[in-house]
Protein backbone atom coordinates (compact mmCIF):
# COMPACT_ATOMS: atom_id res chain seq x y z
CA MET A 1 14.59 -0.56 -37.31
CA LEU A 2 13.02 -0.82 -33.90
CA SER A 3 14.00 -4.09 -32.24
CA ARG A 4 11.91 -5.96 -29.74
CA ARG A 5 14.52 -5.16 -27.10
CA ASP A 6 14.22 -1.45 -27.89
CA VAL A 7 10.45 -1.60 -27.47
CA LEU A 8 10.53 -3.48 -24.18
CA ALA A 9 13.31 -1.29 -22.80
CA GLY A 10 10.75 1.46 -22.46
CA LEU A 11 9.03 -0.51 -19.70
CA VAL A 12 11.86 0.26 -17.28
CA ALA A 13 12.32 3.85 -18.32
CA ALA A 14 9.27 5.45 -16.70
CA GLY A 15 10.00 8.89 -15.45
CA ALA A 16 13.38 9.06 -17.20
CA GLY A 17 14.56 12.62 -17.44
CA ALA A 18 11.48 13.94 -15.72
CA ALA A 19 13.13 17.34 -15.38
CA GLY A 20 12.84 17.94 -19.12
CA MET A 21 11.30 21.04 -20.57
CA ARG A 22 9.21 21.73 -17.46
CA ALA A 23 12.25 21.98 -15.22
CA ALA A 24 13.99 24.20 -17.73
CA SER A 25 11.06 26.59 -17.79
CA ALA A 26 10.94 26.62 -13.98
CA GLN A 27 14.62 27.56 -13.82
CA THR A 28 14.31 30.39 -16.33
CA GLY A 29 11.03 31.69 -14.97
CA ARG A 30 9.63 31.84 -18.49
CA ALA A 31 6.58 29.99 -19.71
CA PRO A 32 7.53 27.16 -22.08
CA GLU A 33 6.97 27.79 -25.75
CA LYS A 34 3.88 26.23 -27.23
CA PRO A 35 4.79 23.09 -29.19
CA THR A 36 4.31 23.20 -32.93
CA GLU A 37 4.89 19.54 -33.73
CA PHE A 38 3.12 16.48 -32.41
CA LEU A 39 3.32 12.72 -32.88
CA LEU A 40 0.45 10.24 -33.07
CA GLY A 41 1.29 6.92 -31.43
CA TYR A 42 -0.86 3.93 -32.36
CA GLY A 43 1.30 0.98 -31.23
CA SER A 44 4.01 0.80 -28.59
CA LEU A 45 4.03 4.61 -28.37
CA ILE A 46 0.66 4.40 -26.62
CA ASP A 47 2.58 3.14 -23.59
CA THR A 48 3.76 6.01 -21.41
CA ALA A 49 6.98 4.39 -20.16
CA SER A 50 7.98 3.30 -23.66
CA ARG A 51 7.29 6.77 -25.04
CA GLU A 52 9.12 8.61 -22.27
CA GLY A 53 12.02 6.17 -22.39
CA THR A 54 12.69 7.27 -25.96
CA ALA A 55 12.14 10.98 -25.32
CA GLY A 56 14.27 11.07 -22.19
CA THR A 57 11.71 13.34 -20.60
CA LYS A 58 8.14 13.32 -19.36
CA LEU A 59 5.64 13.41 -22.21
CA ASP A 60 1.96 13.88 -21.48
CA ALA A 61 -0.35 12.43 -24.13
CA VAL A 62 -4.05 12.68 -24.87
CA PRO A 63 -6.25 10.00 -26.43
CA VAL A 64 -7.43 10.83 -29.94
CA ARG A 65 -8.90 9.17 -33.01
CA VAL A 66 -7.70 9.52 -36.61
CA SER A 67 -10.64 9.29 -39.01
CA ALA A 68 -10.93 6.78 -41.83
CA ALA A 69 -10.68 9.74 -44.20
CA PHE A 70 -6.92 9.66 -43.61
CA GLY A 71 -6.92 6.55 -45.80
CA TYR A 72 -5.09 4.04 -43.60
CA ARG A 73 -5.87 1.30 -41.14
CA ARG A 74 -3.85 -0.33 -38.34
CA VAL A 75 -2.42 -3.72 -39.31
CA TRP A 76 0.05 -6.34 -38.11
CA ASN A 77 2.49 -5.79 -40.97
CA VAL A 78 5.93 -4.59 -39.80
CA ARG A 79 8.70 -7.15 -39.43
CA GLY A 80 11.04 -6.99 -36.46
CA ARG A 81 13.81 -9.45 -35.68
CA GLY A 82 11.74 -12.60 -35.37
CA TRP A 83 8.40 -10.95 -34.67
CA THR A 84 5.75 -8.70 -36.23
CA ALA A 85 4.80 -5.23 -35.01
CA LEU A 86 1.92 -2.90 -35.74
CA GLY A 87 2.00 -0.60 -38.73
CA LEU A 88 -0.46 1.10 -41.03
CA ALA A 89 -1.65 0.05 -44.48
CA LYS A 90 -3.43 2.10 -47.11
CA GLY A 91 -7.08 1.25 -47.48
CA GLU A 92 -8.22 -0.57 -50.59
CA ASP A 93 -11.45 -2.01 -51.96
CA LEU A 94 -11.47 -5.26 -50.00
CA ARG A 95 -9.63 -3.85 -47.01
CA PRO A 96 -10.95 -0.31 -46.53
CA ALA A 97 -9.44 2.38 -44.36
CA ALA A 98 -10.69 2.53 -40.77
CA PRO A 99 -10.53 4.86 -37.77
CA ILE A 100 -7.39 4.56 -35.64
CA ASN A 101 -7.55 5.44 -31.96
CA CYS A 102 -4.15 6.47 -30.66
CA VAL A 103 -2.43 9.08 -28.50
CA LEU A 104 -1.15 12.56 -29.35
CA PHE A 105 1.91 14.07 -27.68
CA PRO A 106 4.20 17.05 -28.31
CA VAL A 107 7.76 16.79 -29.60
CA ASP A 108 10.50 19.34 -30.18
CA ALA A 109 13.84 19.68 -31.93
CA ASP A 110 15.47 17.41 -29.34
CA THR A 111 12.88 14.66 -29.01
CA LEU A 112 11.60 14.33 -32.58
CA PRO A 113 14.93 12.98 -33.96
CA ARG A 114 14.94 10.38 -31.17
CA PHE A 115 11.58 9.06 -32.28
CA ASP A 116 12.69 9.11 -35.92
CA ARG A 117 15.66 6.91 -35.00
CA ARG A 118 13.45 4.57 -32.99
CA GLU A 119 10.96 4.28 -35.84
CA SER A 120 13.62 4.01 -38.56
CA GLY A 121 11.62 1.28 -40.30
CA TYR A 122 8.82 3.77 -40.95
CA ASP A 123 8.25 7.03 -42.82
CA ARG A 124 6.88 10.02 -40.91
CA VAL A 125 3.91 11.63 -42.68
CA ALA A 126 1.64 14.52 -41.77
CA VAL A 127 -2.01 14.03 -40.83
CA PRO A 128 -4.45 16.89 -41.54
CA ASN A 129 -5.59 18.36 -38.23
CA ALA A 130 -9.22 18.13 -39.32
CA MET A 131 -8.92 14.33 -39.50
CA VAL A 132 -8.09 13.99 -35.79
CA GLU A 133 -10.63 14.23 -32.97
CA SER A 134 -10.04 14.35 -29.23
CA LEU A 135 -11.34 11.51 -27.07
CA SER A 136 -11.10 13.53 -23.87
CA TRP A 137 -12.14 16.95 -22.60
CA LEU A 138 -8.81 18.38 -23.73
CA ARG A 139 -8.86 20.39 -26.94
CA LEU A 140 -6.51 19.54 -29.78
CA PRO A 141 -3.93 22.11 -30.90
CA GLU A 142 -5.36 24.51 -33.45
CA GLN A 143 -1.98 25.01 -35.08
CA GLY A 144 1.04 22.82 -35.64
CA THR A 145 1.87 19.66 -37.56
CA LEU A 146 0.57 16.25 -36.53
CA TRP A 147 2.87 13.39 -37.59
CA ILE A 148 2.33 9.65 -37.78
CA TYR A 149 4.67 6.81 -38.75
CA VAL A 150 3.72 4.55 -41.66
CA PRO A 151 5.72 1.66 -43.20
CA LYS A 152 8.20 2.87 -45.81
CA ALA A 153 6.71 3.40 -49.26
CA GLY A 154 7.34 0.58 -51.70
CA GLU A 155 8.29 -1.99 -49.08
CA LYS A 156 6.32 -5.20 -48.69
CA ALA A 157 3.94 -5.31 -45.76
CA PRO A 158 4.04 -8.99 -44.76
CA GLU A 159 1.59 -10.61 -42.42
CA PRO A 160 2.77 -12.57 -39.37
CA ASP A 161 4.16 -16.01 -40.16
CA ALA A 162 5.78 -18.87 -38.24
CA ALA A 163 9.15 -17.12 -38.08
CA HIS A 164 7.67 -13.67 -37.41
CA PRO A 165 4.72 -14.16 -35.04
CA ILE A 166 2.74 -11.71 -32.99
CA VAL A 167 4.46 -11.77 -29.58
CA GLN A 168 2.50 -11.33 -26.38
CA SER A 169 5.11 -9.06 -24.78
CA TYR A 170 4.47 -6.49 -27.52
CA VAL A 171 0.69 -6.92 -27.27
CA ASP A 172 1.01 -6.34 -23.52
CA LEU A 173 3.00 -3.16 -24.13
CA VAL A 174 0.38 -1.75 -26.50
CA LEU A 175 -2.73 -2.78 -24.60
CA GLY A 176 -1.20 -2.11 -21.19
CA GLY A 177 -0.61 1.45 -22.33
CA ALA A 178 -4.09 1.64 -23.83
CA LEU A 179 -5.70 0.54 -20.57
CA GLY A 180 -4.28 3.68 -19.01
CA TYR A 181 -6.92 5.54 -21.03
CA GLY A 182 -9.71 3.17 -20.05
CA GLU A 183 -11.01 -0.26 -21.00
CA ALA A 184 -13.14 1.13 -23.84
CA PHE A 185 -10.06 2.73 -25.40
CA ALA A 186 -8.11 -0.54 -25.16
CA ARG A 187 -11.00 -2.49 -26.68
CA GLU A 188 -11.15 -0.03 -29.56
CA VAL A 189 -7.44 -0.62 -30.24
CA ILE A 190 -8.23 -4.31 -30.71
CA GLU A 191 -11.34 -3.62 -32.76
CA THR A 192 -9.50 -1.29 -35.14
CA THR A 193 -6.46 -3.54 -35.59
CA PHE A 194 -6.50 -5.88 -38.59
CA GLY A 195 -4.55 -9.03 -39.34
CA TRP A 196 -4.74 -10.80 -35.97
CA SER A 197 -3.00 -14.08 -36.67
CA ALA A 198 -2.84 -17.62 -35.34
CA PHE A 199 0.95 -17.19 -35.47
CA TRP A 200 0.93 -15.86 -31.92
CA LEU A 201 3.66 -16.60 -29.38
CA ASP A 202 3.08 -16.23 -25.65
CA ASP A 203 6.57 -15.03 -24.70
CA ARG A 204 5.67 -13.54 -21.33
CA VAL A 205 8.45 -13.94 -18.75
CA THR A 206 6.12 -15.96 -16.53
CA ALA A 207 3.72 -17.12 -19.22
CA ARG A 208 1.81 -19.60 -17.06
CA ARG A 209 1.55 -17.13 -14.16
CA PRO A 210 1.53 -13.83 -16.08
CA TRP A 211 0.04 -11.75 -13.27
CA VAL A 212 3.30 -12.15 -11.30
CA ALA A 213 5.20 -9.89 -13.70
CA ASN A 214 2.29 -8.00 -15.22
CA PRO A 215 -0.75 -7.22 -13.07
CA ALA A 216 -2.67 -6.13 -16.18
CA ALA A 217 -2.24 -9.52 -17.90
CA GLY A 218 -5.66 -10.80 -16.85
CA ALA A 219 -7.47 -7.70 -18.10
CA ILE A 220 -5.55 -7.85 -21.38
CA ASP A 221 -6.35 -11.52 -21.93
CA ARG A 222 -10.03 -11.01 -21.18
CA LEU A 223 -10.24 -8.23 -23.75
CA LEU A 224 -8.46 -10.34 -26.37
CA ALA A 225 -10.68 -13.35 -25.67
CA ARG A 226 -13.95 -11.39 -25.77
CA THR A 227 -13.38 -9.04 -28.69
CA PRO A 228 -14.55 -10.56 -32.01
CA GLN A 229 -11.60 -9.20 -34.01
CA SER A 230 -9.03 -11.06 -31.90
CA GLU A 231 -10.82 -13.96 -30.23
CA ALA A 232 -10.22 -16.63 -32.91
CA ALA A 233 -6.51 -15.88 -33.19
CA PHE A 234 -6.18 -15.57 -29.41
CA ARG A 235 -7.38 -19.16 -29.01
CA GLU A 236 -4.37 -20.21 -31.12
CA ARG A 237 -1.80 -18.44 -28.93
CA LEU A 238 0.88 -20.88 -27.80
CA TYR A 239 3.55 -21.08 -25.13
CA SER A 240 7.14 -21.13 -26.42
CA GLU A 241 7.64 -24.90 -26.33
CA GLU A 242 4.26 -25.56 -27.94
CA TYR A 243 4.94 -22.96 -30.60
CA ALA A 244 8.24 -24.59 -31.49
CA VAL A 245 6.55 -27.94 -32.08
CA ARG A 246 3.32 -26.85 -33.72
CA ARG A 247 4.50 -23.89 -35.77
CA LEU A 248 8.21 -24.34 -36.42
CA MET A 249 8.83 -28.09 -36.81
CA ARG A 250 9.60 -29.08 -40.41
CA PRO A 251 8.82 -32.40 -42.13
CA GLY A 252 11.57 -34.87 -41.35
CA ASP A 253 12.26 -33.50 -37.88
CA GLY A 254 10.48 -36.44 -36.34
CA LEU A 255 7.22 -34.68 -35.63
CA ALA A 256 4.70 -33.56 -38.20
CA PRO A 257 4.05 -29.82 -38.15
CA ALA A 258 0.63 -28.44 -37.57
CA PRO A 259 -1.13 -27.27 -40.73
CA LYS A 260 -0.58 -23.60 -41.47
CA PRO A 261 -3.37 -21.82 -39.61
CA GLU A 262 -5.65 -19.40 -41.35
CA THR A 263 -4.91 -15.79 -40.56
CA ALA A 264 -7.74 -14.36 -38.51
CA ARG A 265 -9.19 -11.18 -39.98
CA PRO A 266 -11.90 -8.99 -38.54
């Protein structure tokens, strides 16, 4: 299962193993083989440093959109150790499937097992090529298998709660990566993510001066505050000490807990 530490470790791994397949092809003088397998990243894998930190090599990605015909939608529903990550959920009558903008990148026999280990809390399933459209001038591969990770079949898909909140460091990782493809792409990530919750912990290293450690913090917060799907839950985001009192205190601890907030849904 991917831990929060594993996810955030990718932030310091940019450029790791940049030699990779390109260097190998340069040394042999042969053109690299065309990839036949690709991954679709819709959460932390949108972030380049996080993605390349797992692969151990440079991985170019292109922005794409998976159509609602695939039958899933992006949801806050995967439990980590004390936090909740993004996953996918099958569409149903009251919660229909929706488009999912994400990134597409090639993998091979060396890198694919690394991503499988990282995403061990998920199953890897194939997406029909016809259900994926490019969001750039680059054409999608005409052949090959497109994979995406979904929560394991049969397992519960719990929403965020007091002990497993949305954490801002993970939101920053996802949206920081998304901003690399433009503000409209990042906004669409928010718009097509369901289950934004008032159980939201601001765990930034310098939470009250976030721009010190993350120059994109202001842009991320503005998007969250101005996008209808996230704005109500974003107003409930709390610093660590406030979260402990308002979300975690139990009756009898000397302070009355805040009422359980309603989960914000788009």
